[in-house]
Amino acid sequence: MGFFTETRLHFGNSILLKKASKLVRKPYYRNFSGIRNIGIVWDASKTNQFASLSKFRQKMSERNIDVNILGYYSGKELPDEYTAIRYLTCFRKKEVNLFYIPESPEVNKFVNKSFSILIDINFDKLFPLTCIAVLSRAAFKVGLLDQENDVHTFDLMMELKKPVNVDDYLTHVINYLEMINAESAVHTVTL
């Protein structure tokens, strides 16, 4: 990573920390039957994961849970399979400011939506997706354990062996959410 990129990320992280400090959010989760909608933050450059996400969305749909996916795609043209899908929105590099903070109406709408659950599938820790996970108004946030991060983003953190398989990750997330029966808690799970 070049000096200019590192400097931009440093300032972006400072801006994110300032925004996060102003965010008032009390984590809330009672049980799985209370989930109405799930937001997923995803690195859309991992096109091989899209089938897993579609399958997961279908399973949740069968349980009357709405799933919205917000992906970050760093390429110029979105793959054809990402277009005209109601539950998937992608933003691109041109919608990220100088400090790598996403700026678009779709991102703002996603961040401000009160999802029952936010699931972070940002395994490479792309900063634009990290911003969205941190600033999301979701009632309960799930992601991988990140001991290097200054911001405590997630209410349920999972530690999985790398490389992380999306199907396994989503299965574990749902299994643990089904086991939890509490109004407010912070949990770390090691698998």
C-alpha atoms as a PDB file:
ATOM      1  CA  MET A   1       0.000   0.000   0.000  1.00  0.00           C
ATOM      2  CA  GLY A   2       1.418   3.377  -0.985  1.00  0.00           C
ATOM      3  CA  PHE A   3       1.933   6.338   1.299  1.00  0.00           C
ATOM      4  CA  PHE A   4      -0.896   8.319  -0.313  1.00  0.00           C
ATOM      5  CA  THR A   5      -3.324   5.413   0.084  1.00  0.00           C
ATOM      6  CA  GLU A   6      -2.306   4.888   3.719  1.00  0.00           C
ATOM      7  CA  THR A   7      -2.754   8.599   4.437  1.00  0.00           C
ATOM      8  CA  ARG A   8      -6.202   8.620   2.833  1.00  0.00           C
ATOM      9  CA  LEU A   9      -7.201   5.533   4.844  1.00  0.00           C
ATOM     10  CA  HIS A  10      -5.882   7.120   8.046  1.00  0.00           C
ATOM     11  CA  PHE A  11      -8.021  10.217   7.510  1.00  0.00           C
ATOM     12  CA  GLY A  12     -10.983   8.056   6.457  1.00  0.00           C
ATOM     13  CA  ASN A  13     -10.661   6.058   9.669  1.00  0.00           C
ATOM     14  CA  SER A  14     -10.541   9.270  11.714  1.00  0.00           C
ATOM     15  CA  ILE A  15     -13.698  10.518  10.018  1.00  0.00           C
ATOM     16  CA  LEU A  16     -15.383   7.150  10.601  1.00  0.00           C
ATOM     17  CA  LEU A  17     -14.441   7.138  14.301  1.00  0.00           C
ATOM     18  CA  LYS A  18     -15.889  10.637  14.683  1.00  0.00           C
ATOM     19  CA  LYS A  19     -19.147   9.630  12.978  1.00  0.00           C
ATOM     20  CA  ALA A  20     -19.318   6.412  15.024  1.00  0.00           C
ATOM     21  CA  SER A  21     -18.911   8.331  18.291  1.00  0.00           C
ATOM     22  CA  LYS A  22     -22.053  10.329  17.463  1.00  0.00           C
ATOM     23  CA  LEU A  23     -24.083   7.231  16.642  1.00  0.00           C
ATOM     24  CA  VAL A  24     -26.561   6.312  19.365  1.00  0.00           C
ATOM     25  CA  ARG A  25     -27.427   2.644  19.099  1.00  0.00           C
ATOM     26  CA  LYS A  26     -28.452   0.101  21.693  1.00  0.00           C
ATOM     27  CA  PRO A  27     -27.988  -3.469  20.438  1.00  0.00           C
ATOM     28  CA  TYR A  28     -31.206  -5.416  20.587  1.00  0.00           C
ATOM     29  CA  TYR A  29     -31.923  -9.046  19.854  1.00  0.00           C
ATOM     30  CA  ARG A  30     -34.566 -11.218  21.464  1.00  0.00           C
ATOM     31  CA  ASN A  31     -34.813 -14.384  19.395  1.00  0.00           C
ATOM     32  CA  PHE A  32     -34.755 -15.580  15.814  1.00  0.00           C
ATOM     33  CA  SER A  33     -38.522 -15.624  15.425  1.00  0.00           C
ATOM     34  CA  GLY A  34     -38.526 -11.841  15.883  1.00  0.00           C
ATOM     35  CA  ILE A  35     -36.343 -11.197  12.835  1.00  0.00           C
ATOM     36  CA  ARG A  36     -38.199  -9.391  10.071  1.00  0.00           C
ATOM     37  CA  ASN A  37     -35.325  -8.313   7.837  1.00  0.00           C
ATOM     38  CA  ILE A  38     -31.607  -8.903   7.375  1.00  0.00           C
ATOM     39  CA  GLY A  39     -29.077  -6.589   5.782  1.00  0.00           C
ATOM     40  CA  ILE A  40     -25.899  -8.059   4.335  1.00  0.00           C
ATOM     41  CA  VAL A  41     -22.732  -6.095   3.596  1.00  0.00           C
ATOM     42  CA  TRP A  42     -20.662  -7.943   0.994  1.00  0.00           C
ATOM     43  CA  ASP A  43     -17.539  -7.660  -1.163  1.00  0.00           C
ATOM     44  CA  ALA A  44     -19.229  -7.991  -4.564  1.00  0.00           C
ATOM     45  CA  SER A  45     -15.910  -8.571  -6.320  1.00  0.00           C
ATOM     46  CA  LYS A  46     -16.211 -12.137  -4.951  1.00  0.00           C
ATOM     47  CA  THR A  47     -18.597 -13.181  -7.714  1.00  0.00           C
ATOM     48  CA  ASN A  48     -18.214 -16.859  -6.756  1.00  0.00           C
ATOM     49  CA  GLN A  49     -20.067 -16.085  -3.476  1.00  0.00           C
ATOM     50  CA  PHE A  50     -23.167 -14.709  -5.159  1.00  0.00           C
ATOM     51  CA  ALA A  51     -24.824 -18.134  -5.551  1.00  0.00           C
ATOM     52  CA  SER A  52     -24.409 -18.743  -1.796  1.00  0.00           C
ATOM     53  CA  LEU A  53     -25.987 -15.382  -0.992  1.00  0.00           C
ATOM     54  CA  SER A  54     -28.902 -16.048  -3.344  1.00  0.00           C
ATOM     55  CA  LYS A  55     -29.461 -19.451  -1.743  1.00  0.00           C
ATOM     56  CA  PHE A  56     -29.358 -17.864   1.727  1.00  0.00           C
ATOM     57  CA  ARG A  57     -31.834 -15.180   0.663  1.00  0.00           C
ATOM     58  CA  GLN A  58     -34.180 -17.877  -0.639  1.00  0.00           C
ATOM     59  CA  LYS A  59     -33.987 -19.817   2.661  1.00  0.00           C
ATOM     60  CA  MET A  60     -34.762 -16.660   4.628  1.00  0.00           C
ATOM     61  CA  SER A  61     -37.592 -15.775   2.265  1.00  0.00           C
ATOM     62  CA  GLU A  62     -39.178 -19.143   3.046  1.00  0.00           C
ATOM     63  CA  ARG A  63     -39.127 -18.054   6.710  1.00  0.00           C
ATOM     64  CA  ASN A  64     -40.746 -14.689   5.815  1.00  0.00           C
ATOM     65  CA  ILE A  65     -37.523 -12.761   6.395  1.00  0.00           C
ATOM     66  CA  ASP A  66     -36.652 -10.068   3.883  1.00  0.00           C
ATOM     67  CA  VAL A  67     -32.947  -9.913   2.890  1.00  0.00           C
ATOM     68  CA  ASN A  68     -31.228  -6.900   1.347  1.00  0.00           C
ATOM     69  CA  ILE A  69     -27.638  -7.139   0.158  1.00  0.00           C
ATOM     70  CA  LEU A  70     -25.357  -4.143  -0.318  1.00  0.00           C
ATOM     71  CA  GLY A  71     -22.193  -4.960  -2.225  1.00  0.00           C
ATOM     72  CA  TYR A  72     -19.078  -2.992  -3.022  1.00  0.00           C
ATOM     73  CA  TYR A  73     -17.771  -3.669  -6.508  1.00  0.00           C
ATOM     74  CA  SER A  74     -14.409  -2.089  -7.294  1.00  0.00           C
ATOM     75  CA  GLY A  75     -14.534  -2.867 -11.029  1.00  0.00           C
ATOM     76  CA  LYS A  76     -15.874  -0.533 -13.697  1.00  0.00           C
ATOM     77  CA  GLU A  77     -18.819  -2.569 -14.986  1.00  0.00           C
ATOM     78  CA  LEU A  78     -21.109  -4.654 -12.805  1.00  0.00           C
ATOM     79  CA  PRO A  79     -21.370  -8.300 -13.822  1.00  0.00           C
ATOM     80  CA  ASP A  80     -24.629  -9.069 -15.638  1.00  0.00           C
ATOM     81  CA  GLU A  81     -25.778 -11.383 -12.840  1.00  0.00           C
ATOM     82  CA  TYR A  82     -25.864  -8.382 -10.430  1.00  0.00           C
ATOM     83  CA  THR A  83     -28.196  -6.225 -12.483  1.00  0.00           C
ATOM     84  CA  ALA A  84     -31.981  -6.049 -12.141  1.00  0.00           C
ATOM     85  CA  ILE A  85     -32.068  -7.957  -8.853  1.00  0.00           C
ATOM     86  CA  ARG A  86     -34.464  -6.403  -6.370  1.00  0.00           C
ATOM     87  CA  TYR A  87     -32.630  -7.524  -3.212  1.00  0.00           C
ATOM     88  CA  LEU A  88     -29.086  -6.561  -4.368  1.00  0.00           C
ATOM     89  CA  THR A  89     -27.626  -3.080  -4.606  1.00  0.00           C
ATOM     90  CA  CYS A  90     -24.014  -2.476  -5.534  1.00  0.00           C
ATOM     91  CA  PHE A  91     -21.968   0.675  -5.251  1.00  0.00           C
ATOM     92  CA  ARG A  92     -18.695   1.226  -7.051  1.00  0.00           C
ATOM     93  CA  LYS A  93     -15.392   3.000  -6.637  1.00  0.00           C
ATOM     94  CA  LYS A  94     -16.774   6.224  -8.142  1.00  0.00           C
ATOM     95  CA  GLU A  95     -19.280   6.374  -5.246  1.00  0.00           C
ATOM     96  CA  VAL A  96     -16.489   6.408  -2.651  1.00  0.00           C
ATOM     97  CA  ASN A  97     -14.922   9.726  -1.648  1.00  0.00           C
ATOM     98  CA  LEU A  98     -11.224  10.619  -1.394  1.00  0.00           C
ATOM     99  CA  PHE A  99     -11.041   8.987   2.050  1.00  0.00           C
ATOM    100  CA  TYR A 100     -12.749   5.751   0.899  1.00  0.00           C
ATOM    101  CA  ILE A 101     -16.047   6.585   2.613  1.00  0.00           C
ATOM    102  CA  PRO A 102     -19.065   5.572   0.497  1.00  0.00           C
ATOM    103  CA  GLU A 103     -21.344   8.386  -0.617  1.00  0.00           C
ATOM    104  CA  SER A 104     -24.475   7.471  -2.513  1.00  0.00           C
ATOM    105  CA  PRO A 105     -28.233   7.568  -1.915  1.00  0.00           C
ATOM    106  CA  GLU A 106     -28.365   3.743  -1.935  1.00  0.00           C
ATOM    107  CA  VAL A 107     -25.671   3.487   0.737  1.00  0.00           C
ATOM    108  CA  ASN A 108     -27.367   6.136   2.896  1.00  0.00           C
ATOM    109  CA  LYS A 109     -30.706   4.328   2.580  1.00  0.00           C
ATOM    110  CA  PHE A 110     -29.082   1.011   3.585  1.00  0.00           C
ATOM    111  CA  VAL A 111     -27.186   2.516   6.540  1.00  0.00           C
ATOM    112  CA  ASN A 112     -30.308   4.223   7.879  1.00  0.00           C
ATOM    113  CA  LYS A 113     -32.592   1.204   7.526  1.00  0.00           C
ATOM    114  CA  SER A 114     -33.447  -0.456  10.838  1.00  0.00           C
ATOM    115  CA  PHE A 115     -32.554  -4.035   9.975  1.00  0.00           C
ATOM    116  CA  SER A 116     -33.247  -6.653  12.624  1.00  0.00           C
ATOM    117  CA  ILE A 117     -29.831  -8.154  11.813  1.00  0.00           C
ATOM    118  CA  LEU A 118     -26.821  -6.920   9.858  1.00  0.00           C
ATOM    119  CA  ILE A 119     -24.472  -9.648   8.626  1.00  0.00           C
ATOM    120  CA  ASP A 120     -21.017  -8.531   7.552  1.00  0.00           C
ATOM    121  CA  ILE A 121     -19.458 -10.601   4.755  1.00  0.00           C
ATOM    122  CA  ASN A 122     -16.436  -8.344   4.377  1.00  0.00           C
ATOM    123  CA  PHE A 123     -13.755 -10.941   5.038  1.00  0.00           C
ATOM    124  CA  ASP A 124     -10.973  -8.838   3.473  1.00  0.00           C
ATOM    125  CA  LYS A 125     -11.914  -5.811   5.610  1.00  0.00           C
ATOM    126  CA  LEU A 126     -12.497  -3.405   2.723  1.00  0.00           C
ATOM    127  CA  PHE A 127     -12.773   0.027   4.288  1.00  0.00           C
ATOM    128  CA  PRO A 128     -15.909   1.213   2.385  1.00  0.00           C
ATOM    129  CA  LEU A 129     -17.813  -1.848   3.652  1.00  0.00           C
ATOM    130  CA  THR A 130     -16.415  -1.410   7.160  1.00  0.00           C
ATOM    131  CA  CYS A 131     -17.845   2.130   7.145  1.00  0.00           C
ATOM    132  CA  ILE A 132     -21.290   0.791   6.319  1.00  0.00           C
ATOM    133  CA  ALA A 133     -21.165  -1.887   9.030  1.00  0.00           C
ATOM    134  CA  VAL A 134     -20.011   0.637  11.644  1.00  0.00           C
ATOM    135  CA  LEU A 135     -22.602   3.270  10.763  1.00  0.00           C
ATOM    136  CA  SER A 136     -25.538   0.909  10.193  1.00  0.00           C
ATOM    137  CA  ARG A 137     -28.580   1.453  12.386  1.00  0.00           C
ATOM    138  CA  ALA A 138     -29.265  -2.296  12.495  1.00  0.00           C
ATOM    139  CA  ALA A 139     -30.554  -3.580  15.824  1.00  0.00           C
ATOM    140  CA  PHE A 140     -27.986  -6.405  15.980  1.00  0.00           C
ATOM    141  CA  LYS A 141     -24.738  -6.767  14.008  1.00  0.00           C
ATOM    142  CA  VAL A 142     -22.862  -9.976  13.238  1.00  0.00           C
ATOM    143  CA  GLY A 143     -19.348 -10.255  11.824  1.00  0.00           C
ATOM    144  CA  LEU A 144     -15.966 -11.889  12.080  1.00  0.00           C
ATOM    145  CA  LEU A 145     -13.820 -11.238  15.132  1.00  0.00           C
ATOM    146  CA  ASP A 146     -11.331  -8.442  14.393  1.00  0.00           C
ATOM    147  CA  GLN A 147      -8.983  -7.777  17.288  1.00  0.00           C
ATOM    148  CA  GLU A 148      -7.123  -5.045  15.384  1.00  0.00           C
ATOM    149  CA  ASN A 149     -10.178  -2.832  14.878  1.00  0.00           C
ATOM    150  CA  ASP A 150     -10.550   0.214  17.146  1.00  0.00           C
ATOM    151  CA  VAL A 151     -14.316   0.347  16.694  1.00  0.00           C
ATOM    152  CA  HIS A 152     -16.449  -2.340  18.306  1.00  0.00           C
ATOM    153  CA  THR A 153     -18.776  -2.874  15.405  1.00  0.00           C
ATOM    154  CA  PHE A 154     -20.377  -6.230  16.070  1.00  0.00           C
ATOM    155  CA  ASP A 155     -22.684  -7.547  18.776  1.00  0.00           C
ATOM    156  CA  LEU A 156     -21.989 -11.171  17.830  1.00  0.00           C
ATOM    157  CA  MET A 157     -18.466 -11.915  16.647  1.00  0.00           C
ATOM    158  CA  MET A 158     -17.448 -15.200  15.115  1.00  0.00           C
ATOM    159  CA  GLU A 159     -13.914 -16.497  14.832  1.00  0.00           C
ATOM    160  CA  LEU A 160     -13.602 -18.938  11.960  1.00  0.00           C
ATOM    161  CA  LYS A 161     -10.621 -20.677  10.425  1.00  0.00           C
ATOM    162  CA  LYS A 162      -9.393 -19.022   7.250  1.00  0.00           C
ATOM    163  CA  PRO A 163     -10.207 -19.113   4.451  1.00  0.00           C
ATOM    164  CA  VAL A 164     -13.795 -18.503   5.481  1.00  0.00           C
ATOM    165  CA  ASN A 165     -16.451 -20.250   3.414  1.00  0.00           C
ATOM    166  CA  VAL A 166     -19.569 -18.091   2.964  1.00  0.00           C
ATOM    167  CA  ASP A 167     -22.004 -21.032   3.157  1.00  0.00           C
ATOM    168  CA  ASP A 168     -20.445 -22.252   6.424  1.00  0.00           C
ATOM    169  CA  TYR A 169     -20.326 -18.731   7.831  1.00  0.00           C
ATOM    170  CA  LEU A 170     -23.999 -18.033   7.122  1.00  0.00           C
ATOM    171  CA  THR A 171     -24.990 -21.435   8.520  1.00  0.00           C
ATOM    172  CA  HIS A 172     -23.083 -20.720  11.743  1.00  0.00           C
ATOM    173  CA  VAL A 173     -24.591 -17.229  12.003  1.00  0.00           C
ATOM    174  CA  ILE A 174     -28.135 -18.577  11.750  1.00  0.00           C
ATOM    175  CA  ASN A 175     -27.397 -21.483  14.127  1.00  0.00           C
ATOM    176  CA  TYR A 176     -26.075 -19.136  16.809  1.00  0.00           C
ATOM    177  CA  LEU A 177     -28.852 -16.601  16.316  1.00  0.00           C
ATOM    178  CA  GLU A 178     -31.375 -19.403  16.796  1.00  0.00           C
ATOM    179  CA  MET A 179     -29.653 -20.387  20.066  1.00  0.00           C
ATOM    180  CA  ILE A 180     -29.577 -16.903  21.537  1.00  0.00           C
ATOM    181  CA  ASN A 181     -32.628 -15.926  23.516  1.00  0.00           C
ATOM    182  CA  ALA A 182     -31.757 -12.631  25.141  1.00  0.00           C
ATOM    183  CA  GLU A 183     -32.820  -9.021  24.828  1.00  0.00           C
ATOM    184  CA  SER A 184     -29.359  -7.480  24.654  1.00  0.00           C
ATOM    185  CA  ALA A 185     -26.021  -9.222  24.627  1.00  0.00           C
ATOM    186  CA  VAL A 186     -22.546  -9.138  23.171  1.00  0.00           C
ATOM    187  CA  HIS A 187     -21.186 -12.547  22.229  1.00  0.00           C
ATOM    188  CA  THR A 188     -17.974 -13.933  20.755  1.00  0.00           C
ATOM    189  CA  VAL A 189     -18.080 -17.363  19.182  1.00  0.00           C
ATOM    190  CA  THR A 190     -14.976 -19.366  18.272  1.00  0.00           C
ATOM    191  CA  LEU A 191     -15.358 -22.235  15.812  1.00  0.00           C
END
